[in-house]
Amino acid sequence: MNFRKATKNDISIIVEMIADDEVGRTRENFQVPLPAEYLNAFEKKSTDGNQELIIVENESRF
């Protein structure tokens, strides 16, 4: 597994995964292109020294 800080390029897939369940469908607004509110929220979090969004990637070897 690989751990890394999230980037703007990750936000769309994160929102898509959150929106892909019963609860997420009722509160998230996944669409392409992604609404600016998600990117704005990411920018705000990424500049806050007390916040960190981490991505875990599975290094599949199929």
N, C-alpha and C. Protein backbone atom coordinates (compact mmCIF):
# COMPACT_ATOMS: atom_id res chain seq x y z
N MET A 1 0.84 -1.18 0.00
CA MET A 1 0.00 0.00 0.00
C MET A 1 0.88 1.23 0.00
N ASN A 2 0.39 2.26 -0.65
CA ASN A 2 1.09 3.53 -0.74
C ASN A 2 0.23 4.61 -0.09
N PHE A 3 0.80 5.36 0.85
CA PHE A 3 0.12 6.46 1.51
C PHE A 3 0.70 7.76 0.98
N ARG A 4 -0.19 8.71 0.62
CA ARG A 4 0.27 10.01 0.12
C ARG A 4 -0.78 11.07 0.41
N LYS A 5 -0.34 12.33 0.35
CA LYS A 5 -1.28 13.43 0.51
C LYS A 5 -2.17 13.52 -0.72
N ALA A 6 -3.42 13.83 -0.51
CA ALA A 6 -4.37 14.00 -1.62
C ALA A 6 -4.02 15.26 -2.41
N THR A 7 -4.34 15.21 -3.68
CA THR A 7 -4.19 16.37 -4.56
C THR A 7 -5.55 16.72 -5.15
N LYS A 8 -5.60 17.84 -5.85
CA LYS A 8 -6.86 18.24 -6.51
C LYS A 8 -7.34 17.16 -7.46
N ASN A 9 -6.43 16.44 -8.07
CA ASN A 9 -6.80 15.39 -9.02
C ASN A 9 -7.54 14.22 -8.36
N ASP A 10 -7.42 14.09 -7.04
CA ASP A 10 -8.08 13.00 -6.31
C ASP A 10 -9.51 13.33 -5.91
N ILE A 11 -9.87 14.58 -5.89
CA ILE A 11 -11.14 15.00 -5.31
C ILE A 11 -12.34 14.39 -6.01
N SER A 12 -12.32 14.33 -7.31
CA SER A 12 -13.45 13.77 -8.06
C SER A 12 -13.71 12.32 -7.68
N ILE A 13 -12.68 11.49 -7.61
CA ILE A 13 -12.88 10.08 -7.27
C ILE A 13 -13.29 9.92 -5.81
N ILE A 14 -12.80 10.79 -4.94
CA ILE A 14 -13.20 10.73 -3.52
C ILE A 14 -14.69 11.01 -3.40
N VAL A 15 -15.16 12.07 -4.06
CA VAL A 15 -16.58 12.42 -4.00
C VAL A 15 -17.41 11.31 -4.64
N GLU A 16 -16.94 10.76 -5.74
CA GLU A 16 -17.67 9.67 -6.39
C GLU A 16 -17.82 8.47 -5.46
N MET A 17 -16.75 8.12 -4.75
CA MET A 17 -16.82 6.98 -3.83
C MET A 17 -17.77 7.27 -2.67
N ILE A 18 -17.72 8.48 -2.13
CA ILE A 18 -18.61 8.83 -1.02
C ILE A 18 -20.06 8.82 -1.47
N ALA A 19 -20.31 9.28 -2.69
CA ALA A 19 -21.68 9.36 -3.21
C ALA A 19 -22.23 8.00 -3.62
N ASP A 20 -21.38 6.99 -3.63
CA ASP A 20 -21.79 5.67 -4.09
C ASP A 20 -22.28 4.77 -2.95
N ASP A 21 -23.01 5.32 -2.02
CA ASP A 21 -23.68 4.51 -1.02
C ASP A 21 -24.99 5.16 -0.63
N GLU A 22 -25.78 4.46 0.13
CA GLU A 22 -27.13 4.91 0.44
C GLU A 22 -27.16 6.28 1.11
N VAL A 23 -26.29 6.51 2.07
CA VAL A 23 -26.26 7.79 2.78
C VAL A 23 -25.63 8.88 1.90
N GLY A 24 -24.53 8.55 1.25
CA GLY A 24 -23.83 9.53 0.41
C GLY A 24 -24.68 10.07 -0.72
N ARG A 25 -25.52 9.23 -1.28
CA ARG A 25 -26.40 9.68 -2.38
C ARG A 25 -27.32 10.81 -1.95
N THR A 26 -27.66 10.83 -0.67
CA THR A 26 -28.60 11.85 -0.20
C THR A 26 -27.93 13.17 0.13
N ARG A 27 -26.60 13.18 0.25
CA ARG A 27 -25.95 14.42 0.67
C ARG A 27 -24.85 14.92 -0.27
N GLU A 28 -24.35 14.07 -1.14
CA GLU A 28 -23.28 14.49 -2.05
C GLU A 28 -23.85 14.81 -3.43
N ASN A 29 -23.13 15.63 -4.15
CA ASN A 29 -23.55 16.08 -5.47
C ASN A 29 -22.47 15.74 -6.49
N PHE A 30 -22.28 14.44 -6.73
CA PHE A 30 -21.25 14.04 -7.70
C PHE A 30 -21.79 14.24 -9.10
N GLN A 31 -21.02 14.97 -9.89
CA GLN A 31 -21.30 15.17 -11.30
C GLN A 31 -20.01 15.56 -12.00
N VAL A 32 -20.01 15.43 -13.32
CA VAL A 32 -18.85 15.81 -14.12
C VAL A 32 -19.28 16.97 -15.00
N PRO A 33 -18.58 18.11 -14.88
CA PRO A 33 -17.48 18.38 -13.97
C PRO A 33 -17.97 18.51 -12.53
N LEU A 34 -17.06 18.29 -11.61
CA LEU A 34 -17.37 18.37 -10.19
C LEU A 34 -17.71 19.80 -9.80
N PRO A 35 -18.76 19.99 -9.01
CA PRO A 35 -19.10 21.35 -8.57
C PRO A 35 -17.91 22.03 -7.86
N ALA A 36 -17.75 23.29 -8.09
CA ALA A 36 -16.62 24.06 -7.56
C ALA A 36 -16.54 24.02 -6.04
N GLU A 37 -17.67 23.81 -5.36
CA GLU A 37 -17.66 23.79 -3.90
C GLU A 37 -16.71 22.73 -3.35
N TYR A 38 -16.61 21.59 -4.02
CA TYR A 38 -15.73 20.53 -3.54
C TYR A 38 -14.26 20.94 -3.67
N LEU A 39 -13.91 21.54 -4.79
CA LEU A 39 -12.53 21.98 -4.98
C LEU A 39 -12.19 23.12 -4.03
N ASN A 40 -13.14 24.02 -3.81
CA ASN A 40 -12.92 25.12 -2.87
C ASN A 40 -12.71 24.58 -1.46
N ALA A 41 -13.50 23.59 -1.07
CA ALA A 41 -13.34 22.98 0.26
C ALA A 41 -11.99 22.30 0.38
N PHE A 42 -11.56 21.61 -0.68
CA PHE A 42 -10.25 20.97 -0.65
C PHE A 42 -9.14 22.00 -0.50
N GLU A 43 -9.21 23.08 -1.24
CA GLU A 43 -8.19 24.13 -1.14
C GLU A 43 -8.14 24.70 0.28
N LYS A 44 -9.29 24.91 0.87
CA LYS A 44 -9.35 25.44 2.23
C LYS A 44 -8.71 24.46 3.22
N LYS A 45 -9.04 23.19 3.10
CA LYS A 45 -8.47 22.18 3.99
C LYS A 45 -6.97 22.02 3.77
N SER A 46 -6.54 22.05 2.51
CA SER A 46 -5.13 21.79 2.22
C SER A 46 -4.23 22.94 2.68
N THR A 47 -4.78 24.11 2.92
CA THR A 47 -3.97 25.23 3.42
C THR A 47 -4.04 25.36 4.93
N ASP A 48 -4.84 24.50 5.58
CA ASP A 48 -4.96 24.50 7.03
C ASP A 48 -3.94 23.51 7.59
N GLY A 49 -2.97 24.01 8.34
CA GLY A 49 -1.92 23.17 8.89
C GLY A 49 -2.41 22.10 9.85
N ASN A 50 -3.66 22.18 10.29
CA ASN A 50 -4.22 21.20 11.21
C ASN A 50 -4.99 20.09 10.50
N GLN A 51 -5.06 20.17 9.19
CA GLN A 51 -5.83 19.20 8.41
C GLN A 51 -4.91 18.51 7.40
N GLU A 52 -5.20 17.24 7.13
CA GLU A 52 -4.45 16.52 6.12
C GLU A 52 -5.34 15.40 5.56
N LEU A 53 -5.49 15.38 4.27
CA LEU A 53 -6.28 14.35 3.60
C LEU A 53 -5.30 13.37 2.97
N ILE A 54 -5.38 12.12 3.41
CA ILE A 54 -4.43 11.10 2.97
C ILE A 54 -5.14 10.09 2.06
N ILE A 55 -4.45 9.73 0.99
CA ILE A 55 -4.92 8.72 0.04
C ILE A 55 -4.14 7.44 0.29
N VAL A 56 -4.84 6.32 0.30
CA VAL A 56 -4.18 5.01 0.40
C VAL A 56 -4.43 4.31 -0.92
N GLU A 57 -3.34 3.95 -1.58
CA GLU A 57 -3.44 3.27 -2.86
C GLU A 57 -2.96 1.83 -2.71
N ASN A 58 -3.72 0.93 -3.27
CA ASN A 58 -3.34 -0.47 -3.28
C ASN A 58 -2.50 -0.73 -4.50
N GLU A 59 -1.30 -1.22 -4.30
CA GLU A 59 -0.41 -1.52 -5.41
C GLU A 59 -0.72 -2.93 -5.94
N SER A 60 -1.77 -3.02 -6.69
CA SER A 60 -2.22 -4.30 -7.24
C SER A 60 -1.20 -4.82 -8.25
N ARG A 61 -0.96 -6.11 -8.20
CA ARG A 61 0.01 -6.73 -9.12
C ARG A 61 -0.65 -7.86 -9.90
N PHE A 62 -1.72 -7.54 -10.59
CA PHE A 62 -2.45 -8.55 -11.35
C PHE A 62 -1.86 -8.70 -12.71
